[in-house]
Amino acid sequence: MPAIELTPAQRKEHRAAAHHLQPVVMIGADGLTPAVVKEIDAALNAHGLIKVRVFSDDRAAREALLGQIANELGAAPIQHIGKLLVLWRPLPKQRAAEAPAAEGRSARPRVVKILTFSKSGSQRAQVKKVTVLGNQRLTAGGLVKRAKKRSSATSVKKRSQGT
């Protein structure tokens, strides 16, 4: 399988997403064995975006290793920095189908982009990504607020009328 080609903007986005990740596969002195390839494939199927640590001092060998892994597994080489390799491959269909199609109101966390425009209008709008949980809402001002819990099961009107 040939490696996936990405635009520089897509590669930049994946680099940013991979920044906080820890390496999930480590390649030792034996190099790229079939077992290591199998583990990298399993990690790509599970996560989509992974870091691989290579315990080799030869930079050229690490570059060749990144290209070889990307070609064998049909992944996109995102970054090679030091002894870390970052790879991305889209998640398989069954994994993508598990996520609900309607983003609507669900209990899972979701990422919302907030645009903040400059007061003078001469600068670009700033984009800020915020994670909103199921029990939170986004106000018109761009703040994240918690949904308030009801104090009792009956309304004030029913309490005043009845019993």
Protein backbone atom coordinates (compact mmCIF):
# COMPACT_ATOMS: atom_id res chain seq x y z
CA MET A 1 0.00 0.00 0.00
CA PRO A 2 1.44 3.41 -0.85
CA ALA A 3 1.70 6.11 1.79
CA ILE A 4 -1.09 8.68 2.09
CA GLU A 5 -0.24 12.14 0.75
CA LEU A 6 -1.39 15.08 2.88
CA THR A 7 -1.38 18.82 2.32
CA PRO A 8 0.88 20.91 4.58
CA ALA A 9 -2.21 22.26 6.40
CA GLN A 10 -3.48 18.75 7.15
CA ARG A 11 -0.02 17.68 8.29
CA LYS A 12 0.17 20.72 10.58
CA GLU A 13 -3.20 19.86 12.11
CA HIS A 14 -2.13 16.28 12.81
CA ARG A 15 1.20 17.45 14.27
CA ALA A 16 -0.70 19.68 16.69
CA ALA A 17 -3.03 16.83 17.67
CA ALA A 18 -0.07 14.48 18.22
CA HIS A 19 1.82 16.90 20.45
CA HIS A 20 0.45 15.54 23.74
CA LEU A 21 0.57 11.86 22.74
CA GLN A 22 2.98 9.36 24.24
CA PRO A 23 4.73 6.74 22.07
CA VAL A 24 2.65 3.55 21.84
CA VAL A 25 5.18 1.40 19.93
CA MET A 26 8.93 1.23 20.43
CA ILE A 27 11.39 -0.12 17.87
CA GLY A 28 14.52 -1.59 19.45
CA ALA A 29 17.80 -3.05 18.24
CA ASP A 30 16.12 -5.75 16.12
CA GLY A 31 14.60 -3.07 13.90
CA LEU A 32 11.34 -3.39 12.02
CA THR A 33 10.29 -6.99 12.63
CA PRO A 34 6.91 -8.41 11.50
CA ALA A 35 5.73 -8.32 15.12
CA VAL A 36 6.52 -4.60 15.35
CA VAL A 37 4.70 -3.93 12.06
CA LYS A 38 1.70 -5.84 13.40
CA GLU A 39 1.69 -3.74 16.60
CA ILE A 40 1.93 -0.48 14.65
CA ASP A 41 -0.96 -1.62 12.43
CA ALA A 42 -3.06 -2.47 15.50
CA ALA A 43 -2.27 0.91 17.10
CA LEU A 44 -3.21 2.76 13.89
CA ASN A 45 -6.51 0.84 13.75
CA ALA A 46 -7.25 1.71 17.37
CA HIS A 47 -6.10 5.34 17.49
CA GLY A 48 -5.51 6.64 13.97
CA LEU A 49 -2.70 8.97 15.08
CA ILE A 50 0.28 7.47 16.90
CA LYS A 51 3.86 8.12 17.97
CA VAL A 52 6.59 5.52 17.54
CA ARG A 53 9.93 5.71 19.39
CA VAL A 54 13.00 4.37 17.59
CA PHE A 55 16.07 3.45 19.65
CA SER A 56 18.60 4.10 16.91
CA ASP A 57 21.19 6.84 16.65
CA ASP A 58 21.29 6.91 12.83
CA ARG A 59 19.03 9.70 11.55
CA ALA A 60 19.04 8.45 7.96
CA ALA A 61 17.96 5.00 9.13
CA ARG A 62 15.07 6.54 11.08
CA GLU A 63 13.99 8.51 7.98
CA ALA A 64 14.06 5.32 5.90
CA LEU A 65 12.13 3.51 8.63
CA LEU A 66 9.40 6.17 8.60
CA GLY A 67 8.99 5.86 4.84
CA GLN A 68 9.00 2.06 4.99
CA ILE A 69 6.33 1.93 7.72
CA ALA A 70 4.16 4.45 5.89
CA ASN A 71 4.37 2.47 2.62
CA GLU A 72 3.76 -0.93 4.22
CA LEU A 73 0.75 0.14 6.28
CA GLY A 74 -0.77 2.78 3.99
CA ALA A 75 -0.27 5.55 6.54
CA ALA A 76 0.79 9.17 6.23
CA PRO A 77 4.17 10.16 7.69
CA ILE A 78 3.38 13.25 9.75
CA GLN A 79 6.61 14.12 11.54
CA HIS A 80 10.09 12.85 12.38
CA ILE A 81 11.54 14.73 15.29
CA GLY A 82 14.47 13.28 17.18
CA LYS A 83 13.81 9.62 17.84
CA LEU A 84 10.02 10.00 17.51
CA LEU A 85 8.02 9.19 14.41
CA VAL A 86 4.42 10.35 14.04
CA LEU A 87 2.07 8.39 11.75
CA TRP A 88 -1.58 8.88 10.81
CA ARG A 89 -4.11 6.72 9.05
CA PRO A 90 -7.89 7.25 8.94
CA LEU A 91 -9.82 5.00 11.28
CA PRO A 92 -11.46 1.92 9.72
CA LYS A 93 -15.12 2.11 8.66
CA GLN A 94 -16.57 0.04 11.53
CA ARG A 95 -14.77 2.24 14.07
CA ALA A 96 -16.03 5.45 12.43
CA ALA A 97 -19.59 4.04 12.28
CA GLU A 98 -19.64 3.56 16.07
CA ALA A 99 -19.71 7.33 16.61
CA PRO A 100 -23.23 8.76 16.41
CA ALA A 101 -23.99 10.54 13.15
CA ALA A 102 -26.05 13.33 14.72
CA GLU A 103 -23.90 15.69 16.76
CA GLY A 104 -27.06 17.20 18.37
CA ARG A 105 -27.55 16.76 22.09
CA SER A 106 -25.48 13.90 23.36
CA ALA A 107 -23.76 13.21 26.64
CA ARG A 108 -20.31 12.83 25.13
CA PRO A 109 -17.74 15.65 25.07
CA ARG A 110 -17.53 17.63 21.85
CA VAL A 111 -15.05 20.18 20.54
CA VAL A 112 -16.51 23.57 19.61
CA LYS A 113 -14.65 26.32 17.77
CA ILE A 114 -15.09 29.86 19.08
CA LEU A 115 -14.22 32.81 16.86
CA THR A 116 -13.01 35.96 18.58
CA PHE A 117 -12.89 38.98 16.30
CA SER A 118 -10.51 41.89 16.89
CA LYS A 119 -11.97 45.21 18.00
CA SER A 120 -10.30 47.15 15.20
CA GLY A 121 -11.29 44.68 12.50
CA SER A 122 -7.86 44.84 10.89
CA GLN A 123 -6.55 41.61 12.40
CA ARG A 124 -7.60 38.05 11.74
CA ALA A 125 -10.16 36.41 13.95
CA GLN A 126 -8.71 34.13 16.60
CA VAL A 127 -9.99 30.56 16.66
CA LYS A 128 -10.16 28.88 20.04
CA LYS A 129 -11.19 25.23 20.42
CA VAL A 130 -13.13 24.42 23.59
CA THR A 131 -14.29 21.01 24.81
CA VAL A 132 -17.91 21.13 25.94
CA LEU A 133 -19.15 18.25 28.08
CA GLY A 134 -22.67 16.84 28.02
CA ASN A 135 -23.75 18.80 31.10
CA GLN A 136 -22.41 22.12 29.77
CA ARG A 137 -23.56 24.72 27.29
CA LEU A 138 -21.91 27.51 25.33
CA THR A 139 -23.18 31.06 25.93
CA ALA A 140 -23.45 33.77 23.29
CA GLY A 141 -20.33 35.41 24.74
CA GLY A 142 -18.28 32.26 24.21
CA LEU A 143 -18.22 31.10 27.83
CA VAL A 144 -18.81 27.51 28.89
CA LYS A 145 -21.51 27.23 31.56
CA ARG A 146 -22.71 24.22 33.50
CA ALA A 147 -26.33 23.28 33.16
CA LYS A 148 -28.15 23.93 36.44
CA LYS A 149 -29.81 21.01 38.17
CA ARG A 150 -33.43 21.34 39.18
CA SER A 151 -33.94 21.94 42.86
CA SER A 152 -37.03 19.74 43.14
CA ALA A 153 -39.23 17.49 41.02
CA THR A 154 -42.25 19.82 41.10
CA SER A 155 -42.47 23.35 39.75
CA VAL A 156 -43.06 26.46 41.84
CA LYS A 157 -46.53 26.88 40.33
CA LYS A 158 -47.60 23.36 41.26
CA ARG A 159 -46.25 23.76 44.78
CA SER A 160 -48.20 27.00 45.35
CA GLN A 161 -51.47 25.63 43.96
CA GLY A 162 -51.64 22.23 45.49
CA THR A 163 -50.94 20.47 48.60
